[in-house]
Amino acid sequence: MDPKPVTIQVQKRSGSKYHTSIIGLATDLDLEKIMAYLKKKYKCNGFISNDLRSGEVITLTGDQKENVYRFLVSQQIYKKEEILTRGL
């Protein structure tokens, strides 16, 4: 069975503000460490929430879709074909 792809989703909040959600990350990853790195590297805020359908979701402020995509591929956490992007 193919692994479930991770989804990077950008949503518009209000005015010119956006937030980026990373959905479907593997349960064996240290999400706290990943989120802390992304927050520091890209100078944004973020939090981890627990969704009944999707499991744990990392949400970052701003449109961080390209940054998160490059991070997941460059660190060899996921391959390009295992990542879906949505929004903008």
Protein backbone atom coordinates (compact mmCIF):
# COMPACT_ATOMS: atom_id res chain seq x y z
CA MET A 1 0.00 0.00 0.00
CA ASP A 2 1.33 3.47 -0.90
CA PRO A 3 2.01 5.79 2.02
CA LYS A 4 -0.53 8.56 2.48
CA PRO A 5 0.85 11.79 0.97
CA VAL A 6 1.54 14.81 3.12
CA THR A 7 -0.48 17.92 2.19
CA ILE A 8 0.77 21.50 2.38
CA GLN A 9 -2.25 23.79 2.28
CA VAL A 10 -2.37 27.59 2.19
CA GLN A 11 -5.57 29.37 3.25
CA LYS A 12 -6.44 33.05 3.18
CA ARG A 13 -7.49 34.41 6.55
CA SER A 14 -8.40 38.09 6.42
CA GLY A 15 -7.16 40.90 4.24
CA SER A 16 -3.69 39.94 3.06
CA LYS A 17 -3.03 37.38 5.80
CA TYR A 18 -2.53 33.67 5.16
CA HIS A 19 -1.73 30.52 7.09
CA THR A 20 -0.06 27.31 5.95
CA SER A 21 -1.06 23.89 7.27
CA ILE A 22 1.05 20.74 6.99
CA ILE A 23 -1.33 17.79 7.15
CA GLY A 24 -0.60 14.06 7.26
CA LEU A 25 2.96 14.01 8.60
CA ALA A 26 4.16 10.59 9.77
CA THR A 27 3.53 9.86 13.44
CA ASP A 28 7.17 8.88 14.06
CA LEU A 29 8.44 12.41 13.23
CA ASP A 30 9.27 14.90 15.98
CA LEU A 31 6.73 17.57 15.05
CA GLU A 32 7.84 19.91 17.84
CA LYS A 33 11.39 19.98 16.44
CA ILE A 34 10.20 20.45 12.85
CA MET A 35 7.87 23.28 13.85
CA ALA A 36 10.56 24.99 15.96
CA TYR A 37 13.02 24.84 13.06
CA LEU A 38 10.51 26.21 10.54
CA LYS A 39 9.45 29.02 12.90
CA LYS A 40 13.04 30.10 13.48
CA LYS A 41 14.22 29.71 9.87
CA TYR A 42 11.29 31.52 8.24
CA LYS A 43 10.52 33.98 11.07
CA CYS A 44 6.88 33.06 11.55
CA ASN A 45 4.62 31.82 14.32
CA GLY A 46 3.07 28.39 14.45
CA PHE A 47 1.34 25.74 16.51
CA ILE A 48 0.45 22.06 16.45
CA SER A 49 -3.21 21.09 16.62
CA ASN A 50 -4.85 17.70 16.77
CA ASP A 51 -7.50 17.00 14.13
CA LEU A 52 -9.72 13.93 14.45
CA ARG A 53 -9.50 13.10 10.73
CA SER A 54 -5.95 14.23 9.91
CA GLY A 55 -4.09 13.62 13.16
CA GLU A 56 -1.54 16.23 14.21
CA VAL A 57 -1.35 19.30 11.97
CA ILE A 58 1.38 21.97 11.97
CA THR A 59 0.02 25.44 11.19
CA LEU A 60 2.35 28.35 10.36
CA THR A 61 1.49 32.00 9.77
CA GLY A 62 1.98 33.39 6.29
CA ASP A 63 2.32 31.69 2.92
CA GLN A 64 5.10 29.20 3.70
CA LYS A 65 4.13 26.61 1.05
CA GLU A 66 7.35 26.80 -1.00
CA ASN A 67 9.55 26.97 2.13
CA VAL A 68 7.94 23.91 3.71
CA TYR A 69 8.05 21.98 0.42
CA ARG A 70 11.78 22.69 -0.05
CA PHE A 71 12.48 21.80 3.60
CA LEU A 72 10.70 18.42 3.43
CA VAL A 73 12.48 17.46 0.19
CA SER A 74 15.95 18.79 1.08
CA GLN A 75 15.96 17.05 4.46
CA GLN A 76 14.80 13.83 2.73
CA ILE A 77 11.76 13.56 5.00
CA TYR A 78 9.51 13.10 1.95
CA LYS A 79 10.05 12.70 -1.79
CA LYS A 80 8.57 15.20 -4.24
CA GLU A 81 5.90 12.75 -5.39
CA GLU A 82 4.73 12.19 -1.79
CA ILE A 83 3.81 15.87 -1.25
CA LEU A 84 0.57 17.53 -2.38
CA THR A 85 0.21 21.32 -2.38
CA ARG A 86 -3.12 23.14 -2.22
CA GLY A 87 -4.14 26.77 -2.35
CA LEU A 88 -2.63 29.82 -3.99
